[in-house]
Amino acid sequence: TVDDPNQSFTSAFTFNGTTLNGINDLGQVVGFYSDGTHVNGVLATAT
């Protein structure tokens, strides 16, 4: 499970929490999350 630490499960949008949508061969992941009032793009880099 990989969730953005700023996510909120209470949201003004129909979407809440975190969704991951793309991954490259280096393990970098992109997606989006809701912080409660905004839906934000997120880049997550694995270590």
All heavy atoms as atom14 arrays in JSON, in Angstrom:
{
  "sequence": "TVDDPNQSFTSAFTFNGTTLNGINDLGQVVGFYSDGTHVNGVLATAT",
  "atom14_mask": [
    [1, 1, 1, 1, 1, 1, 1, 0, 0, 0, 0, 0, 0, 0],
    [1, 1, 1, 1, 1, 1, 1, 0, 0, 0, 0, 0, 0, 0],
    [1, 1, 1, 1, 1, 1, 1, 1, 0, 0, 0, 0, 0, 0],
    [1, 1, 1, 1, 1, 1, 1, 1, 0, 0, 0, 0, 0, 0],
    [1, 1, 1, 1, 1, 1, 1, 0, 0, 0, 0, 0, 0, 0],
    [1, 1, 1, 1, 1, 1, 1, 1, 0, 0, 0, 0, 0, 0],
    [1, 1, 1, 1, 1, 1, 1, 1, 1, 0, 0, 0, 0, 0],
    [1, 1, 1, 1, 1, 1, 0, 0, 0, 0, 0, 0, 0, 0],
    [1, 1, 1, 1, 1, 1, 1, 1, 1, 1, 1, 0, 0, 0],
    [1, 1, 1, 1, 1, 1, 1, 0, 0, 0, 0, 0, 0, 0],
    [1, 1, 1, 1, 1, 1, 0, 0, 0, 0, 0, 0, 0, 0],
    [1, 1, 1, 1, 1, 0, 0, 0, 0, 0, 0, 0, 0, 0],
    [1, 1, 1, 1, 1, 1, 1, 1, 1, 1, 1, 0, 0, 0],
    [1, 1, 1, 1, 1, 1, 1, 0, 0, 0, 0, 0, 0, 0],
    [1, 1, 1, 1, 1, 1, 1, 1, 1, 1, 1, 0, 0, 0],
    [1, 1, 1, 1, 1, 1, 1, 1, 0, 0, 0, 0, 0, 0],
    [1, 1, 1, 1, 0, 0, 0, 0, 0, 0, 0, 0, 0, 0],
    [1, 1, 1, 1, 1, 1, 1, 0, 0, 0, 0, 0, 0, 0],
    [1, 1, 1, 1, 1, 1, 1, 0, 0, 0, 0, 0, 0, 0],
    [1, 1, 1, 1, 1, 1, 1, 1, 0, 0, 0, 0, 0, 0],
    [1, 1, 1, 1, 1, 1, 1, 1, 0, 0, 0, 0, 0, 0],
    [1, 1, 1, 1, 0, 0, 0, 0, 0, 0, 0, 0, 0, 0],
    [1, 1, 1, 1, 1, 1, 1, 1, 0, 0, 0, 0, 0, 0],
    [1, 1, 1, 1, 1, 1, 1, 1, 0, 0, 0, 0, 0, 0],
    [1, 1, 1, 1, 1, 1, 1, 1, 0, 0, 0, 0, 0, 0],
    [1, 1, 1, 1, 1, 1, 1, 1, 0, 0, 0, 0, 0, 0],
    [1, 1, 1, 1, 0, 0, 0, 0, 0, 0, 0, 0, 0, 0],
    [1, 1, 1, 1, 1, 1, 1, 1, 1, 0, 0, 0, 0, 0],
    [1, 1, 1, 1, 1, 1, 1, 0, 0, 0, 0, 0, 0, 0],
    [1, 1, 1, 1, 1, 1, 1, 0, 0, 0, 0, 0, 0, 0],
    [1, 1, 1, 1, 0, 0, 0, 0, 0, 0, 0, 0, 0, 0],
    [1, 1, 1, 1, 1, 1, 1, 1, 1, 1, 1, 0, 0, 0],
    [1, 1, 1, 1, 1, 1, 1, 1, 1, 1, 1, 1, 0, 0],
    [1, 1, 1, 1, 1, 1, 0, 0, 0, 0, 0, 0, 0, 0],
    [1, 1, 1, 1, 1, 1, 1, 1, 0, 0, 0, 0, 0, 0],
    [1, 1, 1, 1, 0, 0, 0, 0, 0, 0, 0, 0, 0, 0],
    [1, 1, 1, 1, 1, 1, 1, 0, 0, 0, 0, 0, 0, 0],
    [1, 1, 1, 1, 1, 1, 1, 1, 1, 1, 0, 0, 0, 0],
    [1, 1, 1, 1, 1, 1, 1, 0, 0, 0, 0, 0, 0, 0],
    [1, 1, 1, 1, 1, 1, 1, 1, 0, 0, 0, 0, 0, 0],
    [1, 1, 1, 1, 0, 0, 0, 0, 0, 0, 0, 0, 0, 0],
    [1, 1, 1, 1, 1, 1, 1, 0, 0, 0, 0, 0, 0, 0],
    [1, 1, 1, 1, 1, 1, 1, 1, 0, 0, 0, 0, 0, 0],
    [1, 1, 1, 1, 1, 0, 0, 0, 0, 0, 0, 0, 0, 0],
    [1, 1, 1, 1, 1, 1, 1, 0, 0, 0, 0, 0, 0, 0],
    [1, 1, 1, 1, 1, 0, 0, 0, 0, 0, 0, 0, 0, 0],
    [1, 1, 1, 1, 1, 1, 1, 0, 0, 0, 0, 0, 0, 0]
  ],
  "atom14_positions": [
    [[0.85, -1.18, 0.0], [0.0, 0.0, 0.0], [0.89, 1.23, 0.0], [1.8, 1.34, 0.82], [-0.91, 0.03, 1.24], [-1.75, -1.13, 1.23], [-1.78, 1.28, 1.26], [0.0, 0.0, 0.0], [0.0, 0.0, 0.0], [0.0, 0.0, 0.0], [0.0, 0.0, 0.0], [0.0, 0.0, 0.0], [0.0, 0.0, 0.0], [0.0, 0.0, 0.0]],
    [[0.65, 2.15, -0.94], [1.45, 3.38, -1.05], [0.49, 4.55, -1.1], [-0.15, 4.81, -2.14], [2.36, 3.35, -2.29], [3.16, 4.65, -2.39], [3.3, 2.15, -2.25], [0.0, 0.0, 0.0], [0.0, 0.0, 0.0], [0.0, 0.0, 0.0], [0.0, 0.0, 0.0], [0.0, 0.0, 0.0], [0.0, 0.0, 0.0], [0.0, 0.0, 0.0]],
    [[0.36, 5.26, 0.01], [-0.54, 6.4, 0.11], [0.24, 7.68, 0.37], [1.2, 7.67, 1.16], [-1.55, 6.2, 1.25], [-2.6, 5.16, 0.93], [-2.86, 4.93, -0.26], [-3.17, 4.59, 1.88], [0.0, 0.0, 0.0], [0.0, 0.0, 0.0], [0.0, 0.0, 0.0], [0.0, 0.0, 0.0], [0.0, 0.0, 0.0], [0.0, 0.0, 0.0]],
    [[-0.15, 8.76, -0.29], [0.48, 10.04, 0.0], [0.21, 10.41, 1.46], [-0.92, 10.3, 1.94], [-0.07, 11.13, -0.92], [0.73, 12.4, -0.82], [0.54, 13.14, 0.17], [1.54, 12.67, -1.71], [0.0, 0.0, 0.0], [0.0, 0.0, 0.0], [0.0, 0.0, 0.0], [0.0, 0.0, 0.0], [0.0, 0.0, 0.0], [0.0, 0.0, 0.0]],
    [[1.24, 10.84, 2.2], [1.03, 11.15, 3.62], [0.08, 12.31, 3.87], [-0.41, 12.47, 5.0], [2.45, 11.47, 4.12], [3.21, 11.86, 2.88], [2.63, 11.01, 1.78], [0.0, 0.0, 0.0], [0.0, 0.0, 0.0], [0.0, 0.0, 0.0], [0.0, 0.0, 0.0], [0.0, 0.0, 0.0], [0.0, 0.0, 0.0], [0.0, 0.0, 0.0]],
    [[-0.19, 13.13, 2.85], [-1.1, 14.27, 3.02], [-2.52, 13.96, 2.57], [-3.35, 14.86, 2.5], [-0.57, 15.47, 2.23], [0.76, 15.96, 2.75], [0.92, 16.18, 3.94], [1.73, 16.13, 1.86], [0.0, 0.0, 0.0], [0.0, 0.0, 0.0], [0.0, 0.0, 0.0], [0.0, 0.0, 0.0], [0.0, 0.0, 0.0], [0.0, 0.0, 0.0]],
    [[-2.79, 12.7, 2.26], [-4.13, 12.34, 1.79], [-5.18, 12.5, 2.89], [-4.88, 12.48, 4.08], [-4.15, 10.91, 1.3], [-4.12, 9.88, 2.42], [-4.3, 8.46, 1.91], [-4.3, 8.2, 0.72], [-4.47, 7.53, 2.83], [0.0, 0.0, 0.0], [0.0, 0.0, 0.0], [0.0, 0.0, 0.0], [0.0, 0.0, 0.0], [0.0, 0.0, 0.0]],
    [[-6.41, 12.65, 2.44], [-7.55, 12.68, 3.35], [-8.62, 11.75, 2.81], [-8.85, 11.68, 1.6], [-8.11, 14.1, 3.47], [-9.34, 14.1, 4.18], [0.0, 0.0, 0.0], [0.0, 0.0, 0.0], [0.0, 0.0, 0.0], [0.0, 0.0, 0.0], [0.0, 0.0, 0.0], [0.0, 0.0, 0.0], [0.0, 0.0, 0.0], [0.0, 0.0, 0.0]],
    [[-9.25, 11.01, 3.7], [-10.36, 10.16, 3.29], [-11.69, 10.91, 3.37], [-12.74, 10.37, 3.04], [-10.42, 8.89, 4.14], [-9.3, 7.93, 3.84], [-8.43, 7.53, 4.83], [-9.11, 7.45, 2.56], [-7.4, 6.64, 4.56], [-8.08, 6.57, 2.27], [-7.23, 6.17, 3.28], [0.0, 0.0, 0.0], [0.0, 0.0, 0.0], [0.0, 0.0, 0.0]],
    [[-11.64, 12.16, 3.84], [-12.8, 13.04, 3.81], [-12.55, 14.08, 2.74], [-11.56, 14.82, 2.81], [-13.01, 13.74, 5.17], [-13.17, 12.74, 6.18], [-14.24, 14.64, 5.13], [0.0, 0.0, 0.0], [0.0, 0.0, 0.0], [0.0, 0.0, 0.0], [0.0, 0.0, 0.0], [0.0, 0.0, 0.0], [0.0, 0.0, 0.0], [0.0, 0.0, 0.0]],
    [[-13.4, 14.14, 1.74], [-13.08, 14.97, 0.58], [-14.3, 15.69, 0.06], [-15.42, 15.19, 0.13], [-12.48, 14.09, -0.53], [-12.26, 14.85, -1.7], [0.0, 0.0, 0.0], [0.0, 0.0, 0.0], [0.0, 0.0, 0.0], [0.0, 0.0, 0.0], [0.0, 0.0, 0.0], [0.0, 0.0, 0.0], [0.0, 0.0, 0.0], [0.0, 0.0, 0.0]],
    [[-14.06, 16.89, -0.48], [-15.12, 17.64, -1.14], [-15.44, 17.04, -2.51], [-16.46, 17.36, -3.12], [-14.71, 19.1, -1.3], [0.0, 0.0, 0.0], [0.0, 0.0, 0.0], [0.0, 0.0, 0.0], [0.0, 0.0, 0.0], [0.0, 0.0, 0.0], [0.0, 0.0, 0.0], [0.0, 0.0, 0.0], [0.0, 0.0, 0.0], [0.0, 0.0, 0.0]],
    [[-14.56, 16.15, -3.0], [-14.74, 15.52, -4.29], [-15.31, 14.11, -4.1], [-15.32, 13.57, -2.99], [-13.41, 15.44, -5.04], [-12.81, 16.77, -5.35], [-11.94, 17.38, -4.45], [-13.1, 17.43, -6.54], [-11.38, 18.62, -4.74], [-12.54, 18.67, -6.82], [-11.69, 19.27, -5.92], [0.0, 0.0, 0.0], [0.0, 0.0, 0.0], [0.0, 0.0, 0.0]],
    [[-15.81, 13.53, -5.19], [-16.29, 12.16, -5.11], [-15.12, 11.21, -4.86], [-15.29, 10.11, -4.34], [-16.99, 11.74, -6.42], [-16.09, 11.97, -7.53], [-18.25, 12.56, -6.63], [0.0, 0.0, 0.0], [0.0, 0.0, 0.0], [0.0, 0.0, 0.0], [0.0, 0.0, 0.0], [0.0, 0.0, 0.0], [0.0, 0.0, 0.0], [0.0, 0.0, 0.0]],
    [[-13.91, 11.63, -5.22], [-12.7, 10.85, -5.0], [-12.04, 11.25, -3.69], [-12.0, 12.43, -3.33], [-11.72, 11.09, -6.15], [-10.31, 10.68, -5.83], [-9.94, 9.35, -5.92], [-9.38, 11.61, -5.39], [-8.64, 8.96, -5.59], [-8.09, 11.24, -5.08], [-7.72, 9.9, -5.18], [0.0, 0.0, 0.0], [0.0, 0.0, 0.0], [0.0, 0.0, 0.0]],
    [[-11.52, 10.25, -2.95], [-10.71, 10.56, -1.78], [-9.5, 9.63, -1.74], [-9.37, 8.74, -2.58], [-11.53, 10.47, -0.48], [-12.04, 9.07, -0.21], [-11.51, 8.08, -0.71], [-13.09, 8.97, 0.59], [0.0, 0.0, 0.0], [0.0, 0.0, 0.0], [0.0, 0.0, 0.0], [0.0, 0.0, 0.0], [0.0, 0.0, 0.0], [0.0, 0.0, 0.0]],
    [[-8.61, 9.84, -0.78], [-7.46, 8.97, -0.65], [-6.46, 9.15, -1.77], [-6.26, 10.25, -2.3], [0.0, 0.0, 0.0], [0.0, 0.0, 0.0], [0.0, 0.0, 0.0], [0.0, 0.0, 0.0], [0.0, 0.0, 0.0], [0.0, 0.0, 0.0], [0.0, 0.0, 0.0], [0.0, 0.0, 0.0], [0.0, 0.0, 0.0], [0.0, 0.0, 0.0]],
    [[-5.81, 8.03, -2.17], [-4.72, 8.04, -3.16], [-4.97, 7.01, -4.24], [-5.39, 5.89, -3.94], [-3.37, 7.74, -2.47], [-3.11, 8.73, -1.48], [-2.22, 7.72, -3.48], [0.0, 0.0, 0.0], [0.0, 0.0, 0.0], [0.0, 0.0, 0.0], [0.0, 0.0, 0.0], [0.0, 0.0, 0.0], [0.0, 0.0, 0.0], [0.0, 0.0, 0.0]],
    [[-4.7, 7.38, -5.49], [-4.72, 6.45, -6.62], [-3.39, 6.56, -7.35], [-2.91, 7.66, -7.62], [-5.86, 6.78, -7.6], [-7.11, 6.51, -6.97], [-5.76, 5.92, -8.87], [0.0, 0.0, 0.0], [0.0, 0.0, 0.0], [0.0, 0.0, 0.0], [0.0, 0.0, 0.0], [0.0, 0.0, 0.0], [0.0, 0.0, 0.0], [0.0, 0.0, 0.0]],
    [[-2.77, 5.42, -7.67], [-1.54, 5.4, -8.45], [-1.87, 4.96, -9.87], [-2.58, 3.98, -10.07], [-0.53, 4.45, -7.81], [-0.19, 4.75, -6.35], [0.84, 3.77, -5.83], [0.3, 6.19, -6.18], [0.0, 0.0, 0.0], [0.0, 0.0, 0.0], [0.0, 0.0, 0.0], [0.0, 0.0, 0.0], [0.0, 0.0, 0.0], [0.0, 0.0, 0.0]],
    [[-1.32, 5.68, -10.85], [-1.76, 5.47, -12.24], [-0.65, 5.04, -13.19], [-0.92, 4.43, -14.22], [-2.4, 6.75, -12.77], [-3.51, 6.47, -13.76], [-4.64, 6.25, -13.37], [-3.2, 6.45, -15.06], [0.0, 0.0, 0.0], [0.0, 0.0, 0.0], [0.0, 0.0, 0.0], [0.0, 0.0, 0.0], [0.0, 0.0, 0.0], [0.0, 0.0, 0.0]],
    [[0.61, 5.39, -12.91], [1.7, 5.07, -13.82], [2.97, 4.75, -13.07], [3.22, 5.26, -11.97], [0.0, 0.0, 0.0], [0.0, 0.0, 0.0], [0.0, 0.0, 0.0], [0.0, 0.0, 0.0], [0.0, 0.0, 0.0], [0.0, 0.0, 0.0], [0.0, 0.0, 0.0], [0.0, 0.0, 0.0], [0.0, 0.0, 0.0], [0.0, 0.0, 0.0]],
    [[3.83, 3.88, -13.66], [5.11, 3.52, -13.06], [6.13, 3.31, -14.16], [5.84, 2.69, -15.18], [4.97, 2.27, -12.17], [6.32, 1.91, -11.5], [4.43, 1.07, -12.95], [6.2, 0.85, -10.42], [0.0, 0.0, 0.0], [0.0, 0.0, 0.0], [0.0, 0.0, 0.0], [0.0, 0.0, 0.0], [0.0, 0.0, 0.0], [0.0, 0.0, 0.0]],
    [[7.35, 3.84, -13.97], [8.41, 3.61, -14.96], [9.33, 2.49, -14.5], [9.14, 1.89, -13.43], [9.16, 4.9, -15.29], [9.96, 5.46, -14.11], [10.17, 4.79, -13.1], [10.4, 6.69, -14.24], [0.0, 0.0, 0.0], [0.0, 0.0, 0.0], [0.0, 0.0, 0.0], [0.0, 0.0, 0.0], [0.0, 0.0, 0.0], [0.0, 0.0, 0.0]],
    [[10.37, 2.2, -15.28], [11.25, 1.08, -14.97], [12.19, 1.37, -13.81], [12.87, 0.46, -13.31], [12.05, 0.69, -16.21], [11.17, 0.2, -17.35], [10.04, -0.24, -17.06], [11.61, 0.27, -18.51], [0.0, 0.0, 0.0], [0.0, 0.0, 0.0], [0.0, 0.0, 0.0], [0.0, 0.0, 0.0], [0.0, 0.0, 0.0], [0.0, 0.0, 0.0]],
    [[12.25, 2.62, -13.37], [13.07, 2.99, -12.23], [12.3, 2.91, -10.92], [12.85, 3.19, -9.85], [13.63, 4.4, -12.41], [14.39, 4.66, -13.72], [14.84, 6.11, -13.78], [15.56, 3.72, -13.86], [0.0, 0.0, 0.0], [0.0, 0.0, 0.0], [0.0, 0.0, 0.0], [0.0, 0.0, 0.0], [0.0, 0.0, 0.0], [0.0, 0.0, 0.0]],
    [[11.02, 2.56, -11.01], [10.19, 2.47, -9.81], [9.56, 3.78, -9.4], [8.96, 3.87, -8.33], [0.0, 0.0, 0.0], [0.0, 0.0, 0.0], [0.0, 0.0, 0.0], [0.0, 0.0, 0.0], [0.0, 0.0, 0.0], [0.0, 0.0, 0.0], [0.0, 0.0, 0.0], [0.0, 0.0, 0.0], [0.0, 0.0, 0.0], [0.0, 0.0, 0.0]],
    [[9.68, 4.82, -10.23], [8.99, 6.08, -9.95], [7.51, 5.92, -10.3], [7.16, 5.38, -11.35], [9.59, 7.22, -10.76], [11.01, 7.58, -10.37], [11.59, 8.65, -11.26], [11.71, 8.46, -12.47], [11.95, 9.79, -10.68], [0.0, 0.0, 0.0], [0.0, 0.0, 0.0], [0.0, 0.0, 0.0], [0.0, 0.0, 0.0], [0.0, 0.0, 0.0]],
    [[6.67, 6.41, -9.41], [5.22, 6.21, -9.53], [4.53, 7.56, -9.56], [4.92, 8.49, -8.84], [4.68, 5.38, -8.34], [3.18, 5.16, -8.47], [5.4, 4.04, -8.25], [0.0, 0.0, 0.0], [0.0, 0.0, 0.0], [0.0, 0.0, 0.0], [0.0, 0.0, 0.0], [0.0, 0.0, 0.0], [0.0, 0.0, 0.0], [0.0, 0.0, 0.0]],
    [[3.51, 7.7, -10.42], [2.7, 8.92, -10.43], [1.24, 8.58, -10.21], [0.79, 7.46, -10.48], [2.86, 9.7, -11.75], [4.25, 10.29, -11.86], [2.52, 8.84, -12.96], [0.0, 0.0, 0.0], [0.0, 0.0, 0.0], [0.0, 0.0, 0.0], [0.0, 0.0, 0.0], [0.0, 0.0, 0.0], [0.0, 0.0, 0.0], [0.0, 0.0, 0.0]],
    [[0.52, 9.56, -9.72], [-0.91, 9.38, -9.47], [-1.49, 10.67, -8.94], [-1.06, 11.77, -9.3], [0.0, 0.0, 0.0], [0.0, 0.0, 0.0], [0.0, 0.0, 0.0], [0.0, 0.0, 0.0], [0.0, 0.0, 0.0], [0.0, 0.0, 0.0], [0.0, 0.0, 0.0], [0.0, 0.0, 0.0], [0.0, 0.0, 0.0], [0.0, 0.0, 0.0]],
    [[-2.43, 10.54, -8.0], [-3.06, 11.72, -7.44], [-3.69, 11.36, -6.1], [-3.95, 10.2, -5.79], [-4.11, 12.29, -8.4], [-5.08, 11.27, -8.96], [-6.31, 11.05, -8.37], [-4.75, 10.53, -10.08], [-7.19, 10.11, -8.87], [-5.63, 9.58, -10.61], [-6.86, 9.38, -10.0], [0.0, 0.0, 0.0], [0.0, 0.0, 0.0], [0.0, 0.0, 0.0]],
    [[-3.9, 12.39, -5.28], [-4.51, 12.19, -3.97], [-5.37, 13.39, -3.63], [-5.19, 14.49, -4.17], [-3.43, 11.99, -2.9], [-2.64, 13.24, -2.56], [-2.99, 14.07, -1.49], [-1.52, 13.6, -3.32], [-2.27, 15.22, -1.2], [-0.8, 14.75, -3.03], [-1.18, 15.55, -1.96], [-0.47, 16.69, -1.67], [0.0, 0.0, 0.0], [0.0, 0.0, 0.0]],
    [[-6.3, 13.19, -2.72], [-7.13, 14.28, -2.22], [-6.66, 14.66, -0.82], [-6.45, 13.78, 0.03], [-8.6, 13.88, -2.16], [-9.36, 14.87, -1.49], [0.0, 0.0, 0.0], [0.0, 0.0, 0.0], [0.0, 0.0, 0.0], [0.0, 0.0, 0.0], [0.0, 0.0, 0.0], [0.0, 0.0, 0.0], [0.0, 0.0, 0.0], [0.0, 0.0, 0.0]],
    [[-6.47, 15.95, -0.59], [-6.12, 16.41, 0.75], [-7.35, 16.89, 1.51], [-7.24, 17.48, 2.58], [-5.06, 17.51, 0.69], [-5.53, 18.75, -0.08], [-6.74, 18.88, -0.35], [-4.66, 19.59, -0.42], [0.0, 0.0, 0.0], [0.0, 0.0, 0.0], [0.0, 0.0, 0.0], [0.0, 0.0, 0.0], [0.0, 0.0, 0.0], [0.0, 0.0, 0.0]],
    [[-8.52, 16.64, 0.94], [-9.77, 17.05, 1.56], [-10.45, 18.15, 0.8], [-11.68, 18.17, 0.68], [0.0, 0.0, 0.0], [0.0, 0.0, 0.0], [0.0, 0.0, 0.0], [0.0, 0.0, 0.0], [0.0, 0.0, 0.0], [0.0, 0.0, 0.0], [0.0, 0.0, 0.0], [0.0, 0.0, 0.0], [0.0, 0.0, 0.0], [0.0, 0.0, 0.0]],
    [[-9.67, 19.1, 0.28], [-10.24, 20.22, -0.48], [-9.68, 20.33, -1.89], [-10.23, 21.05, -2.72], [-9.98, 21.55, 0.25], [-8.57, 21.71, 0.46], [-10.69, 21.57, 1.6], [0.0, 0.0, 0.0], [0.0, 0.0, 0.0], [0.0, 0.0, 0.0], [0.0, 0.0, 0.0], [0.0, 0.0, 0.0], [0.0, 0.0, 0.0], [0.0, 0.0, 0.0]],
    [[-8.57, 19.64, -2.19], [-7.97, 19.66, -3.51], [-7.63, 18.24, -3.94], [-7.42, 17.36, -3.11], [-6.66, 20.48, -3.53], [-6.77, 21.83, -2.89], [-6.58, 22.02, -1.54], [-7.02, 23.05, -3.42], [-6.73, 23.32, -1.27], [-6.99, 23.96, -2.38], [0.0, 0.0, 0.0], [0.0, 0.0, 0.0], [0.0, 0.0, 0.0], [0.0, 0.0, 0.0]],
    [[-7.57, 18.02, -5.25], [-6.99, 16.8, -5.81], [-5.65, 17.18, -6.4], [-5.57, 18.05, -7.28], [-7.91, 16.16, -6.87], [-7.2, 14.99, -7.56], [-9.2, 15.67, -6.23], [0.0, 0.0, 0.0], [0.0, 0.0, 0.0], [0.0, 0.0, 0.0], [0.0, 0.0, 0.0], [0.0, 0.0, 0.0], [0.0, 0.0, 0.0], [0.0, 0.0, 0.0]],
    [[-4.59, 16.57, -5.91], [-3.23, 16.95, -6.26], [-2.5, 15.84, -6.99], [-2.64, 14.65, -6.66], [-2.43, 17.28, -4.99], [-3.12, 18.31, -4.11], [-3.06, 19.5, -4.39], [-3.77, 17.84, -3.06], [0.0, 0.0, 0.0], [0.0, 0.0, 0.0], [0.0, 0.0, 0.0], [0.0, 0.0, 0.0], [0.0, 0.0, 0.0], [0.0, 0.0, 0.0]],
    [[-1.68, 16.21, -7.98], [-0.81, 15.25, -8.62], [0.33, 14.87, -7.7], [0.82, 15.7, -6.93], [0.0, 0.0, 0.0], [0.0, 0.0, 0.0], [0.0, 0.0, 0.0], [0.0, 0.0, 0.0], [0.0, 0.0, 0.0], [0.0, 0.0, 0.0], [0.0, 0.0, 0.0], [0.0, 0.0, 0.0], [0.0, 0.0, 0.0], [0.0, 0.0, 0.0]],
    [[0.76, 13.61, -7.75], [1.84, 13.17, -6.86], [2.85, 12.33, -7.63], [2.48, 11.51, -8.47], [1.31, 12.38, -5.65], [0.58, 11.11, -6.07], [2.44, 12.02, -4.7], [0.0, 0.0, 0.0], [0.0, 0.0, 0.0], [0.0, 0.0, 0.0], [0.0, 0.0, 0.0], [0.0, 0.0, 0.0], [0.0, 0.0, 0.0], [0.0, 0.0, 0.0]],
    [[4.12, 12.58, -7.36], [5.23, 11.76, -7.83], [5.84, 11.08, -6.62], [6.27, 11.75, -5.67], [6.28, 12.63, -8.53], [7.64, 11.98, -8.82], [7.5, 10.81, -9.77], [8.62, 13.03, -9.37], [0.0, 0.0, 0.0], [0.0, 0.0, 0.0], [0.0, 0.0, 0.0], [0.0, 0.0, 0.0], [0.0, 0.0, 0.0], [0.0, 0.0, 0.0]],
    [[5.87, 9.75, -6.63], [6.44, 8.98, -5.52], [7.66, 8.23, -6.03], [7.58, 7.49, -7.01], [5.41, 8.02, -4.96], [0.0, 0.0, 0.0], [0.0, 0.0, 0.0], [0.0, 0.0, 0.0], [0.0, 0.0, 0.0], [0.0, 0.0, 0.0], [0.0, 0.0, 0.0], [0.0, 0.0, 0.0], [0.0, 0.0, 0.0], [0.0, 0.0, 0.0]],
    [[8.79, 8.42, -5.35], [10.04, 7.78, -5.74], [10.42, 6.74, -4.71], [10.5, 7.04, -3.5], [11.16, 8.83, -5.87], [10.76, 9.82, -6.84], [12.46, 8.18, -6.33], [0.0, 0.0, 0.0], [0.0, 0.0, 0.0], [0.0, 0.0, 0.0], [0.0, 0.0, 0.0], [0.0, 0.0, 0.0], [0.0, 0.0, 0.0], [0.0, 0.0, 0.0]],
    [[10.66, 5.52, -5.17], [10.93, 4.4, -4.28], [12.4, 4.35, -3.88], [13.29, 4.57, -4.69], [10.54, 3.08, -4.94], [0.0, 0.0, 0.0], [0.0, 0.0, 0.0], [0.0, 0.0, 0.0], [0.0, 0.0, 0.0], [0.0, 0.0, 0.0], [0.0, 0.0, 0.0], [0.0, 0.0, 0.0], [0.0, 0.0, 0.0], [0.0, 0.0, 0.0]],
    [[12.64, 4.03, -2.62], [13.98, 3.78, -2.1], [13.92, 2.5, -1.29], [13.2, 2.44, -0.3], [14.47, 4.93, -1.2], [14.41, 6.16, -1.93], [15.88, 4.67, -0.72], [0.0, 0.0, 0.0], [0.0, 0.0, 0.0], [0.0, 0.0, 0.0], [0.0, 0.0, 0.0], [0.0, 0.0, 0.0], [0.0, 0.0, 0.0], [0.0, 0.0, 0.0]]
  ]
}
